[in-house]
């Protein structure tokens, strides 16, 4: 079981503010060759253009129709996907828990229909219910403790308009490897090692946490919020299995 402090969201915000200060683009797209601020800005944002084109094409292939009015990029970081969504939607909104990420997103923004906001509560109270025609979130929920990730997913569904489409990715299974084995069986030892590392390192890096979310819990929330799963696509890496959910609000 993962340890979760009472002030979890505050700690999460603090961590991602530090990551944004250290190496924001790599924290979002963690290519080993791009670590230490080696991402070129144009190259980084082009990955967002391709991703959104691929997602919209997949939605079309599923026979789904989107109202290209207002969209939400949940966990927007510096706006890599928000600006790409702005190529298609009348209004594209990005939210993130990190003020530093939002500051960067606003500074990088070149579109007059893209807007960025800090959102540090799970109910997304910045927006009314049934507000968005499309919601997208990729490589975000996997970094949030499941207790809170599920609350965010529920809130996103509440903000989705009738017949709206939501597409989001979650990590659903961990493949067996030595690190994961030790993480499960020797949590206190690993925690002690991290503490020692912080003591001996002058400039310790912030940590990017990874969490597994039960697909059964996600399906329960989707059903409760009166939405349908149109498709669920599994994606594998060397250490995890993720699912990409395509949801339509009834």
C-alpha atoms as a PDB file:
ATOM      1  CA  UNK A   1       0.000   0.000   0.000  1.00  0.00           C
ATOM      2  CA  UNK A   2       1.319   3.449  -0.920  1.00  0.00           C
ATOM      3  CA  UNK A   3       1.763   5.898   1.952  1.00  0.00           C
ATOM      4  CA  UNK A   4      -0.459   8.972   1.506  1.00  0.00           C
ATOM      5  CA  UNK A   5      -0.062  11.963   3.851  1.00  0.00           C
ATOM      6  CA  UNK A   6      -3.079  13.954   5.019  1.00  0.00           C
ATOM      7  CA  UNK A   7      -1.880  16.966   3.018  1.00  0.00           C
ATOM      8  CA  UNK A   8      -1.404  14.879  -0.119  1.00  0.00           C
ATOM      9  CA  UNK A   9      -2.578  17.458  -2.682  1.00  0.00           C
ATOM     10  CA  UNK A  10      -0.363  20.135  -1.147  1.00  0.00           C
ATOM     11  CA  UNK A  11       2.632  17.792  -1.381  1.00  0.00           C
ATOM     12  CA  UNK A  12       1.704  16.854  -4.945  1.00  0.00           C
ATOM     13  CA  UNK A  13       1.585  20.513  -5.925  1.00  0.00           C
ATOM     14  CA  UNK A  14       4.913  21.189  -4.232  1.00  0.00           C
ATOM     15  CA  UNK A  15       6.547  18.262  -6.001  1.00  0.00           C
ATOM     16  CA  UNK A  16       5.352  19.296  -9.470  1.00  0.00           C
ATOM     17  CA  UNK A  17       6.346  22.899  -8.848  1.00  0.00           C
ATOM     18  CA  UNK A  18       9.854  21.641  -8.125  1.00  0.00           C
ATOM     19  CA  UNK A  19       9.819  19.428 -11.215  1.00  0.00           C
ATOM     20  CA  UNK A  20       8.671  22.387 -13.315  1.00  0.00           C
ATOM     21  CA  UNK A  21      11.565  24.445 -11.977  1.00  0.00           C
ATOM     22  CA  UNK A  22      14.167  21.702 -12.482  1.00  0.00           C
ATOM     23  CA  UNK A  23      13.235  20.375 -15.947  1.00  0.00           C
ATOM     24  CA  UNK A  24       9.585  20.929 -16.865  1.00  0.00           C
ATOM     25  CA  UNK A  25       9.554  19.453 -20.365  1.00  0.00           C
ATOM     26  CA  UNK A  26      11.350  16.265 -19.335  1.00  0.00           C
ATOM     27  CA  UNK A  27       9.052  15.852 -16.317  1.00  0.00           C
ATOM     28  CA  UNK A  28       6.148  15.776 -18.798  1.00  0.00           C
ATOM     29  CA  UNK A  29       7.781  13.637 -21.498  1.00  0.00           C
ATOM     30  CA  UNK A  30      10.512  11.647 -19.772  1.00  0.00           C
ATOM     31  CA  UNK A  31      12.662  10.620 -22.718  1.00  0.00           C
ATOM     32  CA  UNK A  32      16.058   9.579 -21.230  1.00  0.00           C
ATOM     33  CA  UNK A  33      17.862  11.403 -24.049  1.00  0.00           C
ATOM     34  CA  UNK A  34      16.086  14.659 -23.204  1.00  0.00           C
ATOM     35  CA  UNK A  35      16.895  14.803 -19.492  1.00  0.00           C
ATOM     36  CA  UNK A  36      18.612  17.919 -18.126  1.00  0.00           C
ATOM     37  CA  UNK A  37      16.654  20.404 -20.249  1.00  0.00           C
ATOM     38  CA  UNK A  38      17.552  18.876 -23.624  1.00  0.00           C
ATOM     39  CA  UNK A  39      14.067  19.139 -25.128  1.00  0.00           C
ATOM     40  CA  UNK A  40      13.809  21.737 -27.901  1.00  0.00           C
ATOM     41  CA  UNK A  41      10.564  23.661 -27.486  1.00  0.00           C
ATOM     42  CA  UNK A  42       9.393  23.275 -31.105  1.00  0.00           C
ATOM     43  CA  UNK A  43      10.155  19.556 -31.062  1.00  0.00           C
ATOM     44  CA  UNK A  44       8.345  19.132 -27.761  1.00  0.00           C
ATOM     45  CA  UNK A  45       5.162  20.841 -28.938  1.00  0.00           C
ATOM     46  CA  UNK A  46       5.157  18.934 -32.226  1.00  0.00           C
ATOM     47  CA  UNK A  47       4.715  15.711 -30.236  1.00  0.00           C
ATOM     48  CA  UNK A  48       1.458  17.200 -28.950  1.00  0.00           C
ATOM     49  CA  UNK A  49       0.244  17.965 -32.463  1.00  0.00           C
ATOM     50  CA  UNK A  50       0.789  14.371 -33.554  1.00  0.00           C
ATOM     51  CA  UNK A  51      -0.816  12.962 -30.406  1.00  0.00           C
ATOM     52  CA  UNK A  52      -4.000  14.994 -30.794  1.00  0.00           C
ATOM     53  CA  UNK A  53      -4.282  14.173 -34.500  1.00  0.00           C
ATOM     54  CA  UNK A  54      -3.956  10.465 -33.686  1.00  0.00           C
ATOM     55  CA  UNK A  55      -6.569  10.661 -30.899  1.00  0.00           C
ATOM     56  CA  UNK A  56      -9.110  12.534 -33.020  1.00  0.00           C
ATOM     57  CA  UNK A  57      -8.604  10.052 -35.848  1.00  0.00           C
ATOM     58  CA  UNK A  58      -9.177   7.169 -33.437  1.00  0.00           C
ATOM     59  CA  UNK A  59     -12.362   8.808 -32.140  1.00  0.00           C
ATOM     60  CA  UNK A  60     -13.587   9.149 -35.715  1.00  0.00           C
ATOM     61  CA  UNK A  61     -12.814   5.489 -36.412  1.00  0.00           C
ATOM     62  CA  UNK A  62     -14.981   4.513 -33.420  1.00  0.00           C
ATOM     63  CA  UNK A  63     -17.940   6.247 -35.033  1.00  0.00           C
ATOM     64  CA  UNK A  64     -18.059   8.994 -32.397  1.00  0.00           C
ATOM     65  CA  UNK A  65     -18.956  12.585 -33.186  1.00  0.00           C
ATOM     66  CA  UNK A  66     -17.451  15.509 -31.292  1.00  0.00           C
ATOM     67  CA  UNK A  67     -18.911  18.943 -30.804  1.00  0.00           C
ATOM     68  CA  UNK A  68     -15.836  21.141 -31.359  1.00  0.00           C
ATOM     69  CA  UNK A  69     -16.914  23.808 -28.903  1.00  0.00           C
ATOM     70  CA  UNK A  70     -15.084  23.723 -25.571  1.00  0.00           C
ATOM     71  CA  UNK A  71     -12.441  21.200 -24.460  1.00  0.00           C
ATOM     72  CA  UNK A  72     -10.423  20.507 -21.325  1.00  0.00           C
ATOM     73  CA  UNK A  73      -6.838  19.264 -21.095  1.00  0.00           C
ATOM     74  CA  UNK A  74      -6.607  17.836 -17.570  1.00  0.00           C
ATOM     75  CA  UNK A  75      -3.048  17.857 -16.190  1.00  0.00           C
ATOM     76  CA  UNK A  76      -1.950  20.194 -18.955  1.00  0.00           C
ATOM     77  CA  UNK A  77       1.590  20.875 -17.778  1.00  0.00           C
ATOM     78  CA  UNK A  78       3.047  23.557 -20.060  1.00  0.00           C
ATOM     79  CA  UNK A  79       0.215  23.256 -22.596  1.00  0.00           C
ATOM     80  CA  UNK A  80       1.725  20.721 -24.997  1.00  0.00           C
ATOM     81  CA  UNK A  81      -1.707  19.243 -25.760  1.00  0.00           C
ATOM     82  CA  UNK A  82      -3.859  22.265 -24.902  1.00  0.00           C
ATOM     83  CA  UNK A  83      -2.483  24.307 -27.783  1.00  0.00           C
ATOM     84  CA  UNK A  84      -2.824  21.378 -30.187  1.00  0.00           C
ATOM     85  CA  UNK A  85      -6.463  20.961 -29.123  1.00  0.00           C
ATOM     86  CA  UNK A  86      -6.858  24.671 -29.822  1.00  0.00           C
ATOM     87  CA  UNK A  87      -6.309  23.912 -33.509  1.00  0.00           C
ATOM     88  CA  UNK A  88      -9.683  22.120 -33.540  1.00  0.00           C
ATOM     89  CA  UNK A  89     -11.834  23.517 -30.718  1.00  0.00           C
ATOM     90  CA  UNK A  90     -13.301  26.978 -30.357  1.00  0.00           C
ATOM     91  CA  UNK A  91     -11.989  27.147 -26.797  1.00  0.00           C
ATOM     92  CA  UNK A  92      -9.261  24.997 -25.262  1.00  0.00           C
ATOM     93  CA  UNK A  93      -8.689  25.080 -21.500  1.00  0.00           C
ATOM     94  CA  UNK A  94      -5.774  23.536 -19.623  1.00  0.00           C
ATOM     95  CA  UNK A  95      -5.683  22.919 -15.886  1.00  0.00           C
ATOM     96  CA  UNK A  96      -2.836  21.756 -13.682  1.00  0.00           C
ATOM     97  CA  UNK A  97      -2.107  21.582  -9.961  1.00  0.00           C
ATOM     98  CA  UNK A  98       1.286  23.265 -10.410  1.00  0.00           C
ATOM     99  CA  UNK A  99       1.444  27.064 -10.530  1.00  0.00           C
ATOM    100  CA  UNK A 100       4.897  26.822 -12.102  1.00  0.00           C
ATOM    101  CA  UNK A 101       3.611  24.638 -14.938  1.00  0.00           C
ATOM    102  CA  UNK A 102       0.736  27.054 -15.568  1.00  0.00           C
ATOM    103  CA  UNK A 103       3.123  30.011 -15.594  1.00  0.00           C
ATOM    104  CA  UNK A 104       5.175  28.260 -18.273  1.00  0.00           C
ATOM    105  CA  UNK A 105       2.035  27.276 -20.208  1.00  0.00           C
ATOM    106  CA  UNK A 106       0.921  30.894 -20.345  1.00  0.00           C
ATOM    107  CA  UNK A 107       4.372  32.074 -21.394  1.00  0.00           C
ATOM    108  CA  UNK A 108       4.546  29.479 -24.215  1.00  0.00           C
ATOM    109  CA  UNK A 109       0.977  30.071 -25.401  1.00  0.00           C
ATOM    110  CA  UNK A 110       0.663  31.465 -28.934  1.00  0.00           C
ATOM    111  CA  UNK A 111      -3.097  30.942 -29.386  1.00  0.00           C
ATOM    112  CA  UNK A 112      -5.861  33.363 -28.448  1.00  0.00           C
ATOM    113  CA  UNK A 113      -8.357  30.542 -27.775  1.00  0.00           C
ATOM    114  CA  UNK A 114      -6.252  28.703 -25.179  1.00  0.00           C
ATOM    115  CA  UNK A 115      -6.576  29.455 -21.465  1.00  0.00           C
ATOM    116  CA  UNK A 116      -4.709  28.028 -18.472  1.00  0.00           C
ATOM    117  CA  UNK A 117      -5.762  27.715 -14.842  1.00  0.00           C
ATOM    118  CA  UNK A 118      -4.393  26.298 -11.599  1.00  0.00           C
ATOM    119  CA  UNK A 119      -6.804  23.754 -10.110  1.00  0.00           C
ATOM    120  CA  UNK A 120      -5.811  22.349  -6.729  1.00  0.00           C
ATOM    121  CA  UNK A 121      -9.032  20.667  -5.610  1.00  0.00           C
ATOM    122  CA  UNK A 122     -10.596  17.435  -6.793  1.00  0.00           C
ATOM    123  CA  UNK A 123     -14.046  18.817  -7.634  1.00  0.00           C
ATOM    124  CA  UNK A 124     -12.829  21.091 -10.479  1.00  0.00           C
ATOM    125  CA  UNK A 125     -15.050  23.802  -9.022  1.00  0.00           C
ATOM    126  CA  UNK A 126     -13.620  26.358 -11.451  1.00  0.00           C
ATOM    127  CA  UNK A 127     -16.112  25.039 -14.000  1.00  0.00           C
ATOM    128  CA  UNK A 128     -19.849  24.302 -13.924  1.00  0.00           C
ATOM    129  CA  UNK A 129     -21.165  20.817 -14.570  1.00  0.00           C
ATOM    130  CA  UNK A 130     -21.847  19.811 -18.209  1.00  0.00           C
ATOM    131  CA  UNK A 131     -19.353  22.468 -19.371  1.00  0.00           C
ATOM    132  CA  UNK A 132     -17.012  20.648 -21.754  1.00  0.00           C
ATOM    133  CA  UNK A 133     -17.707  18.932 -25.072  1.00  0.00           C
ATOM    134  CA  UNK A 134     -14.400  17.027 -24.924  1.00  0.00           C
ATOM    135  CA  UNK A 135     -11.988  16.152 -22.119  1.00  0.00           C
ATOM    136  CA  UNK A 136      -8.559  14.637 -22.653  1.00  0.00           C
ATOM    137  CA  UNK A 137      -5.957  13.482 -20.162  1.00  0.00           C
ATOM    138  CA  UNK A 138      -2.802  11.522 -20.907  1.00  0.00           C
ATOM    139  CA  UNK A 139       0.103  10.494 -18.617  1.00  0.00           C
ATOM    140  CA  UNK A 140      -1.482  12.399 -15.722  1.00  0.00           C
ATOM    141  CA  UNK A 141      -3.665  10.100 -13.604  1.00  0.00           C
ATOM    142  CA  UNK A 142      -0.763   7.630 -13.345  1.00  0.00           C
ATOM    143  CA  UNK A 143       1.084  10.214 -11.231  1.00  0.00           C
ATOM    144  CA  UNK A 144      -1.792  10.752  -8.774  1.00  0.00           C
ATOM    145  CA  UNK A 145      -2.611   8.463  -5.859  1.00  0.00           C
ATOM    146  CA  UNK A 146      -5.645   6.322  -6.843  1.00  0.00           C
ATOM    147  CA  UNK A 147      -7.790   7.755  -4.050  1.00  0.00           C
ATOM    148  CA  UNK A 148      -7.481  11.191  -5.644  1.00  0.00           C
ATOM    149  CA  UNK A 149      -7.202  10.086  -9.263  1.00  0.00           C
ATOM    150  CA  UNK A 150     -10.623   8.438  -9.015  1.00  0.00           C
ATOM    151  CA  UNK A 151     -12.094  11.617  -7.516  1.00  0.00           C
ATOM    152  CA  UNK A 152     -10.658  13.614 -10.414  1.00  0.00           C
ATOM    153  CA  UNK A 153     -12.049  11.166 -12.985  1.00  0.00           C
ATOM    154  CA  UNK A 154     -15.493  11.443 -11.408  1.00  0.00           C
ATOM    155  CA  UNK A 155     -15.277  15.251 -11.437  1.00  0.00           C
ATOM    156  CA  UNK A 156     -14.215  15.279 -15.093  1.00  0.00           C
ATOM    157  CA  UNK A 157     -17.257  13.189 -15.981  1.00  0.00           C
ATOM    158  CA  UNK A 158     -19.498  15.628 -14.116  1.00  0.00           C
ATOM    159  CA  UNK A 159     -18.036  18.503 -16.136  1.00  0.00           C
ATOM    160  CA  UNK A 160     -18.625  16.654 -19.409  1.00  0.00           C
ATOM    161  CA  UNK A 161     -21.696  17.728 -21.383  1.00  0.00           C
ATOM    162  CA  UNK A 162     -24.361  15.303 -22.543  1.00  0.00           C
ATOM    163  CA  UNK A 163     -23.043  13.395 -25.597  1.00  0.00           C
ATOM    164  CA  UNK A 164     -19.587  14.718 -24.741  1.00  0.00           C
ATOM    165  CA  UNK A 165     -16.482  12.594 -25.219  1.00  0.00           C
ATOM    166  CA  UNK A 166     -13.744  11.940 -22.677  1.00  0.00           C
ATOM    167  CA  UNK A 167     -10.494  10.123 -23.446  1.00  0.00           C
ATOM    168  CA  UNK A 168      -8.040   9.361 -20.662  1.00  0.00           C
ATOM    169  CA  UNK A 169      -5.121   7.074 -19.886  1.00  0.00           C
ATOM    170  CA  UNK A 170      -4.440   5.226 -16.641  1.00  0.00           C
ATOM    171  CA  UNK A 171      -1.851   2.652 -15.629  1.00  0.00           C
ATOM    172  CA  UNK A 172      -3.714  -0.538 -14.716  1.00  0.00           C
ATOM    173  CA  UNK A 173      -1.020  -3.175 -14.173  1.00  0.00           C
ATOM    174  CA  UNK A 174       2.601  -3.390 -13.120  1.00  0.00           C
ATOM    175  CA  UNK A 175       4.887  -5.940 -14.722  1.00  0.00           C
ATOM    176  CA  UNK A 176       7.161  -7.886 -12.392  1.00  0.00           C
ATOM    177  CA  UNK A 177      10.703  -6.582 -12.073  1.00  0.00           C
ATOM    178  CA  UNK A 178      13.241  -6.274  -9.249  1.00  0.00           C
ATOM    179  CA  UNK A 179      12.427  -2.652  -8.438  1.00  0.00           C
ATOM    180  CA  UNK A 180       8.703  -3.318  -8.228  1.00  0.00           C
ATOM    181  CA  UNK A 181       9.298  -6.478  -6.186  1.00  0.00           C
ATOM    182  CA  UNK A 182      11.345  -4.534  -3.646  1.00  0.00           C
ATOM    183  CA  UNK A 183       8.907  -1.644  -3.696  1.00  0.00           C
ATOM    184  CA  UNK A 184       6.074  -3.920  -2.631  1.00  0.00           C
ATOM    185  CA  UNK A 185       7.979  -5.986  -0.090  1.00  0.00           C
ATOM    186  CA  UNK A 186      10.498  -3.555   1.356  1.00  0.00           C
ATOM    187  CA  UNK A 187       8.736  -0.167   1.354  1.00  0.00           C
ATOM    188  CA  UNK A 188      10.335   1.066   4.535  1.00  0.00           C
ATOM    189  CA  UNK A 189      13.842   0.204   3.323  1.00  0.00           C
ATOM    190  CA  UNK A 190      13.257   2.096   0.080  1.00  0.00           C
ATOM    191  CA  UNK A 191      11.838   5.040   1.984  1.00  0.00           C
ATOM    192  CA  UNK A 192      14.941   5.065   4.198  1.00  0.00           C
ATOM    193  CA  UNK A 193      17.194   4.982   1.117  1.00  0.00           C
ATOM    194  CA  UNK A 194      15.368   7.974  -0.369  1.00  0.00           C
ATOM    195  CA  UNK A 195      15.747   9.847   2.905  1.00  0.00           C
ATOM    196  CA  UNK A 196      19.497   9.148   2.991  1.00  0.00           C
ATOM    197  CA  UNK A 197      19.777  10.290  -0.630  1.00  0.00           C
ATOM    198  CA  UNK A 198      18.107  13.602   0.230  1.00  0.00           C
ATOM    199  CA  UNK A 199      20.514  14.108   3.123  1.00  0.00           C
ATOM    200  CA  UNK A 200      23.700  13.439   1.147  1.00  0.00           C
ATOM    201  CA  UNK A 201      22.640  15.179  -2.073  1.00  0.00           C
ATOM    202  CA  UNK A 202      22.963  18.944  -2.187  1.00  0.00           C
ATOM    203  CA  UNK A 203      20.292  19.297  -4.891  1.00  0.00           C
ATOM    204  CA  UNK A 204      18.039  16.241  -4.756  1.00  0.00           C
ATOM    205  CA  UNK A 205      15.614  15.893  -7.656  1.00  0.00           C
ATOM    206  CA  UNK A 206      11.886  15.731  -7.046  1.00  0.00           C
ATOM    207  CA  UNK A 207      10.308  12.348  -7.535  1.00  0.00           C
ATOM    208  CA  UNK A 208       7.786  11.370 -10.196  1.00  0.00           C
ATOM    209  CA  UNK A 209       5.456   8.896  -8.496  1.00  0.00           C
ATOM    210  CA  UNK A 210       3.703   6.139 -10.475  1.00  0.00           C
ATOM    211  CA  UNK A 211       0.455   4.492  -9.382  1.00  0.00           C
ATOM    212  CA  UNK A 212      -1.749   1.625 -10.518  1.00  0.00           C
ATOM    213  CA  UNK A 213      -5.493   2.281 -10.747  1.00  0.00           C
ATOM    214  CA  UNK A 214      -8.072  -0.502 -10.730  1.00  0.00           C
ATOM    215  CA  UNK A 215     -10.015  -0.593 -14.024  1.00  0.00           C
ATOM    216  CA  UNK A 216     -12.968  -2.039 -12.123  1.00  0.00           C
ATOM    217  CA  UNK A 217     -13.102   1.090  -9.944  1.00  0.00           C
ATOM    218  CA  UNK A 218     -12.959   3.270 -13.043  1.00  0.00           C
ATOM    219  CA  UNK A 219     -15.766   1.313 -14.699  1.00  0.00           C
ATOM    220  CA  UNK A 220     -17.910   1.706 -11.556  1.00  0.00           C
ATOM    221  CA  UNK A 221     -17.461   5.478 -11.563  1.00  0.00           C
ATOM    222  CA  UNK A 222     -18.204   5.730 -15.293  1.00  0.00           C
ATOM    223  CA  UNK A 223     -21.443   3.825 -14.795  1.00  0.00           C
ATOM    224  CA  UNK A 224     -22.445   5.946 -11.795  1.00  0.00           C
ATOM    225  CA  UNK A 225     -21.869   9.137 -13.777  1.00  0.00           C
ATOM    226  CA  UNK A 226     -24.124   7.891 -16.583  1.00  0.00           C
ATOM    227  CA  UNK A 227     -21.515   7.406 -19.261  1.00  0.00           C
ATOM    228  CA  UNK A 228     -20.579   4.528 -21.560  1.00  0.00           C
ATOM    229  CA  UNK A 229     -17.205   2.977 -22.306  1.00  0.00           C
ATOM    230  CA  UNK A 230     -16.993   2.957 -26.102  1.00  0.00           C
ATOM    231  CA  UNK A 231     -13.523   1.434 -26.239  1.00  0.00           C
ATOM    232  CA  UNK A 232     -10.629   0.504 -23.962  1.00  0.00           C
ATOM    233  CA  UNK A 233      -7.227   0.086 -25.586  1.00  0.00           C
ATOM    234  CA  UNK A 234      -4.358  -1.523 -23.679  1.00  0.00           C
ATOM    235  CA  UNK A 235      -0.859  -0.123 -24.134  1.00  0.00           C
ATOM    236  CA  UNK A 236       2.313  -1.839 -22.875  1.00  0.00           C
ATOM    237  CA  UNK A 237       5.715  -0.520 -21.862  1.00  0.00           C
ATOM    238  CA  UNK A 238       8.643  -2.462 -20.423  1.00  0.00           C
ATOM    239  CA  UNK A 239       7.295  -2.156 -16.877  1.00  0.00           C
ATOM    240  CA  UNK A 240       3.573  -1.313 -17.040  1.00  0.00           C
ATOM    241  CA  UNK A 241       0.307  -1.912 -18.852  1.00  0.00           C
ATOM    242  CA  UNK A 242      -1.926   1.121 -19.376  1.00  0.00           C
ATOM    243  CA  UNK A 243      -5.477   1.513 -20.640  1.00  0.00           C
ATOM    244  CA  UNK A 244      -6.788   4.275 -22.855  1.00  0.00           C
ATOM    245  CA  UNK A 245     -10.505   4.774 -22.158  1.00  0.00           C
ATOM    246  CA  UNK A 246     -12.876   6.311 -24.712  1.00  0.00           C
ATOM    247  CA  UNK A 247     -16.022   7.482 -22.898  1.00  0.00           C
ATOM    248  CA  UNK A 248     -19.294   8.992 -24.075  1.00  0.00           C
ATOM    249  CA  UNK A 249     -21.594  10.796 -21.650  1.00  0.00           C
ATOM    250  CA  UNK A 250     -25.209   9.725 -21.972  1.00  0.00           C
END
